Amino acid sequence: MRLTAMGLIGASVPFTRGGSPGKMELLVGDEARIARRHVAAHTLPETLSALRAKVPKSSNNWELLQSSLFAGGLRMCPTSGAPVTDVDSCSSDLKFALYAGLVAISKAVNDKDYERFDDVMAELSTHVRKHVDA
């Protein structure tokens, strides 16, 4: 996006990694390399450490991201490819249940921790049904 905003052209090269189901893209060319170097040069070690931190219990950052992407007309995150949810139309209980569901899925897949998975998914299902029926 930065390249486009600057009026510069970068070629997009689609690729897959490790048998991942989705395709990713890499911008190539001098402008793309310069843009990547700019991002790398301005990424502080503290920022990387924060990104490696444990998943926060608060969903505030997630809600802000989802809300901003949805308001911008995006239904898929341009960086992760994850679906975007219209959190502004959700009750606070549903927002909490959505985030708790994402955390539970992450724990189950990454840590093999299924301790609260079924309970969290059941609660999420209840709130989604209320939202749809409203």
Protein backbone atom coordinates (compact mmCIF):
# COMPACT_ATOMS: atom_id res chain seq x y z
CA MET A 1 0.00 0.00 0.00
CA ARG A 2 2.89 2.31 0.79
CA LEU A 3 4.33 1.78 -2.69
CA THR A 4 1.00 2.51 -4.35
CA ALA A 5 0.56 5.65 -2.25
CA MET A 6 4.00 6.82 -3.41
CA GLY A 7 3.08 6.10 -7.04
CA LEU A 8 5.67 3.33 -7.28
CA ILE A 9 5.14 0.00 -8.94
CA GLY A 10 6.10 -3.33 -7.43
CA ALA A 11 5.51 -6.72 -9.00
CA SER A 12 3.44 -9.15 -6.97
CA VAL A 13 4.69 -12.73 -6.86
CA PRO A 14 2.17 -15.23 -5.42
CA PHE A 15 3.51 -18.20 -3.46
CA THR A 16 2.55 -20.81 -0.88
CA ARG A 17 4.59 -21.85 2.13
CA GLY A 18 4.82 -25.28 3.71
CA GLY A 19 1.64 -26.56 2.11
CA SER A 20 -0.39 -23.74 3.64
CA PRO A 21 -3.90 -23.63 2.18
CA GLY A 22 -3.78 -19.95 1.22
CA LYS A 23 -1.62 -18.11 -1.23
CA MET A 24 0.57 -15.25 -0.10
CA GLU A 25 2.13 -12.52 -2.17
CA LEU A 26 5.54 -10.92 -2.13
CA LEU A 27 6.22 -7.58 -3.72
CA VAL A 28 9.48 -7.63 -5.63
CA GLY A 29 11.55 -4.93 -7.25
CA ASP A 30 13.73 -2.13 -5.98
CA GLU A 31 10.83 -0.14 -4.56
CA ALA A 32 9.50 -3.16 -2.67
CA ARG A 33 12.94 -3.95 -1.25
CA ILE A 34 13.36 -0.34 -0.14
CA ALA A 35 9.91 -0.40 1.50
CA ARG A 36 10.74 -3.64 3.39
CA ARG A 37 14.04 -2.17 4.55
CA HIS A 38 12.22 0.94 5.75
CA VAL A 39 9.82 -1.15 7.83
CA ALA A 40 12.65 -3.31 9.21
CA ALA A 41 14.76 -0.27 10.07
CA HIS A 42 11.90 1.31 11.99
CA THR A 43 10.80 -1.82 13.84
CA LEU A 44 12.14 -1.65 17.37
CA PRO A 45 13.19 -4.77 19.29
CA GLU A 46 10.57 -3.81 21.89
CA THR A 47 7.90 -4.01 19.20
CA LEU A 48 8.99 -7.50 18.22
CA SER A 49 9.04 -8.55 21.88
CA ALA A 50 5.52 -7.22 22.33
CA LEU A 51 4.36 -9.25 19.32
CA ARG A 52 5.88 -12.38 20.88
CA ALA A 53 4.10 -11.79 24.18
CA LYS A 54 1.33 -14.05 25.40
CA VAL A 55 -2.14 -13.42 24.06
CA PRO A 56 -3.71 -10.57 26.07
CA LYS A 57 -6.92 -11.17 27.96
CA SER A 58 -8.32 -7.89 26.63
CA SER A 59 -9.78 -7.81 23.15
CA ASN A 60 -9.45 -4.02 22.74
CA ASN A 61 -6.75 -4.13 20.05
CA TRP A 62 -8.54 -6.90 18.17
CA GLU A 63 -11.83 -4.99 18.28
CA LEU A 64 -10.17 -1.81 17.02
CA LEU A 65 -8.51 -3.67 14.15
CA GLN A 66 -11.72 -5.48 13.18
CA SER A 67 -13.76 -2.29 13.38
CA SER A 68 -11.28 -0.31 11.28
CA LEU A 69 -10.97 -2.97 8.61
CA PHE A 70 -14.75 -3.47 8.36
CA ALA A 71 -15.39 0.30 8.22
CA GLY A 72 -12.87 0.47 5.39
CA GLY A 73 -14.92 -2.03 3.39
CA LEU A 74 -12.50 -4.92 3.92
CA ARG A 75 -13.91 -8.35 4.70
CA MET A 76 -10.51 -10.02 4.90
CA CYS A 77 -7.40 -8.74 6.71
CA PRO A 78 -4.89 -7.75 4.02
CA THR A 79 -1.91 -8.97 6.03
CA SER A 80 -3.15 -12.20 7.61
CA GLY A 81 -5.97 -13.19 5.29
CA ALA A 82 -8.20 -13.73 8.33
CA PRO A 83 -11.89 -12.90 7.98
CA VAL A 84 -13.05 -9.55 9.34
CA THR A 85 -16.04 -9.32 11.68
CA ASP A 86 -18.42 -6.35 12.03
CA VAL A 87 -17.79 -6.01 15.75
CA ASP A 88 -19.63 -2.69 15.91
CA SER A 89 -22.89 -4.57 15.35
CA CYS A 90 -22.12 -7.01 18.18
CA SER A 91 -23.14 -6.81 21.81
CA SER A 92 -20.32 -6.57 24.35
CA ASP A 93 -21.04 -10.18 25.35
CA LEU A 94 -20.66 -11.35 21.75
CA LYS A 95 -17.43 -9.36 21.29
CA PHE A 96 -16.01 -10.98 24.42
CA ALA A 97 -17.15 -14.45 23.29
CA LEU A 98 -15.67 -13.97 19.80
CA TYR A 99 -12.27 -13.04 21.21
CA ALA A 100 -12.41 -15.79 23.82
CA GLY A 101 -13.21 -18.22 21.00
CA LEU A 102 -10.17 -17.10 19.01
CA VAL A 103 -7.97 -17.50 22.09
CA ALA A 104 -9.43 -20.96 22.80
CA ILE A 105 -8.78 -22.08 19.22
CA SER A 106 -5.23 -20.77 19.39
CA LYS A 107 -4.58 -22.57 22.68
CA ALA A 108 -6.05 -25.81 21.37
CA VAL A 109 -4.04 -25.76 18.15
CA ASN A 110 -0.75 -24.32 19.42
CA ASP A 111 -0.56 -25.64 22.97
CA LYS A 112 -2.84 -28.70 22.77
CA ASP A 113 -4.76 -27.08 25.66
CA TYR A 114 -8.42 -28.11 25.37
CA GLU A 115 -9.30 -27.37 28.98
CA ARG A 116 -11.98 -24.73 28.32
CA PHE A 117 -12.42 -25.18 24.57
CA ASP A 118 -15.87 -26.80 24.58
CA ASP A 119 -17.28 -24.37 27.15
CA VAL A 120 -15.95 -21.34 25.27
CA MET A 121 -17.32 -22.59 21.94
CA ALA A 122 -20.72 -23.34 23.50
CA GLU A 123 -20.91 -19.82 24.92
CA LEU A 124 -19.83 -18.34 21.59
CA SER A 125 -22.52 -20.34 19.81
CA THR A 126 -25.17 -19.03 22.21
CA HIS A 127 -24.18 -15.39 21.65
CA VAL A 128 -23.91 -15.80 17.87
CA ARG A 129 -27.41 -17.31 17.76
CA LYS A 130 -28.79 -14.39 19.80
CA HIS A 131 -27.08 -11.96 17.42
CA VAL A 132 -28.49 -13.67 14.32
CA ASP A 133 -32.01 -13.90 15.78
CA ALA A 134 -32.05 -10.23 16.86
